[in-house]
Amino acid sequence: MKYACSKLAINLYLLDNTGPPITQKLKTSAYINDRLPGIAHFMDTSRLKIGKQSFPNRLSNMKAIKFDWTRGIDKHKLRIELKKTFID
C-alpha cells in the first residue's frame, strides 16, 4: 500500500495544472526543505480522525523516500527506486 500510494502521489504531483483537482491539493500540502531540494514531504492537514483517510493526508510514508523526484523522474526509475525503498 505504501508503494501504490507513493507512486500515485508522485505521478499526480508531477502533472501540470491540467490534471485532476487533487493535484492542486497535493501541491499545496507539499513541503520542500532547502537542504533536500529534490524531496518533498506532505503535511497532514486533517483535524479529525475521519480526515486522515483522505488521500492527501495519507502520505506520511513519503518521508521514507530518499531519492530526487520533484524535478521529474522517469517512470521506470521511479518504479525501481520505490521498490528499493518499500519492498526491499
Protein backbone atom coordinates (compact mmCIF):
# COMPACT_ATOMS: atom_id res chain seq x y z
CA MET A 1 0.00 0.00 0.00
CA LYS A 2 2.90 2.37 0.71
CA TYR A 3 4.31 1.67 -2.75
CA ALA A 4 0.99 2.30 -4.50
CA CYS A 5 0.15 5.48 -2.59
CA SER A 6 3.64 6.90 -3.09
CA LYS A 7 3.67 6.15 -6.81
CA LEU A 8 0.25 7.74 -7.30
CA ALA A 9 1.23 10.80 -5.26
CA ILE A 10 4.44 11.34 -7.22
CA ASN A 11 2.72 10.93 -10.57
CA LEU A 12 -0.06 13.34 -9.59
CA TYR A 13 2.40 15.86 -8.14
CA LEU A 14 4.41 15.93 -11.37
CA LEU A 15 1.35 16.64 -13.56
CA ASP A 16 0.69 20.11 -14.89
CA ASN A 17 -2.24 22.22 -13.77
CA THR A 18 -4.36 20.47 -16.40
CA GLY A 19 -4.59 17.36 -14.23
CA PRO A 20 -7.35 16.44 -11.79
CA PRO A 21 -8.15 18.81 -8.87
CA ILE A 22 -6.30 16.61 -6.39
CA THR A 23 -3.00 17.73 -7.93
CA GLN A 24 -3.54 21.23 -6.52
CA LYS A 25 -4.27 19.79 -3.06
CA LEU A 26 -1.05 17.77 -3.21
CA LYS A 27 0.99 20.75 -4.32
CA THR A 28 -0.36 22.95 -1.54
CA SER A 29 0.28 20.34 1.14
CA ALA A 30 3.83 19.61 -0.09
CA TYR A 31 6.84 20.89 1.83
CA ILE A 32 10.27 21.04 0.19
CA ASN A 33 13.20 21.69 2.50
CA ASP A 34 16.09 23.85 1.27
CA ARG A 35 18.64 21.22 2.33
CA LEU A 36 16.99 18.48 0.26
CA PRO A 37 15.50 20.31 -2.75
CA GLY A 38 14.60 17.16 -4.69
CA ILE A 39 12.46 15.58 -1.98
CA ALA A 40 9.01 16.75 -0.85
CA HIS A 41 7.13 15.79 2.28
CA PHE A 42 3.38 16.11 2.59
CA MET A 43 1.69 17.75 5.55
CA ASP A 44 -1.28 16.13 7.25
CA THR A 45 -3.93 18.85 7.38
CA SER A 46 -6.69 16.78 8.95
CA ARG A 47 -8.32 17.85 12.18
CA LEU A 48 -10.45 14.76 12.83
CA LYS A 49 -9.81 11.04 12.56
CA ILE A 50 -12.04 10.75 9.50
CA GLY A 51 -9.95 13.36 7.68
CA LYS A 52 -6.87 11.13 7.91
CA GLN A 53 -8.46 8.75 5.38
CA SER A 54 -8.36 11.23 2.51
CA PHE A 55 -5.54 10.70 0.04
CA PRO A 56 -3.53 13.92 0.62
CA ASN A 57 -3.47 13.24 4.37
CA ARG A 58 -2.43 9.60 3.97
CA LEU A 59 1.07 10.35 2.67
CA SER A 60 3.17 10.22 5.83
CA ASN A 61 5.10 7.30 4.30
CA MET A 62 6.68 9.70 1.79
CA LYS A 63 9.24 10.61 4.46
CA ALA A 64 10.95 7.27 3.78
CA ILE A 65 11.74 8.26 0.18
CA LYS A 66 15.33 9.49 -0.13
CA PHE A 67 15.77 9.94 -3.90
CA ASP A 68 15.30 13.06 -6.02
CA TRP A 69 11.86 13.07 -7.61
CA THR A 70 10.38 16.59 -7.51
CA ARG A 71 12.23 17.78 -10.61
CA GLY A 72 10.84 14.93 -12.72
CA ILE A 73 11.67 11.24 -12.90
CA ASP A 74 11.38 8.50 -15.50
CA LYS A 75 8.59 6.00 -14.80
CA HIS A 76 10.96 3.02 -14.86
CA LYS A 77 13.42 4.67 -12.48
CA LEU A 78 10.53 5.62 -10.20
CA ARG A 79 9.34 2.01 -10.07
CA ILE A 80 12.82 0.72 -9.27
CA GLU A 81 13.53 3.31 -6.56
CA LEU A 82 10.15 2.80 -4.87
CA LYS A 83 10.68 -0.96 -4.80
CA LYS A 84 14.11 -0.41 -3.22
CA THR A 85 12.52 1.82 -0.60
CA PHE A 86 9.39 -0.10 0.36
CA ILE A 87 9.73 -3.72 -0.77
CA ASP A 88 13.41 -4.44 -0.12
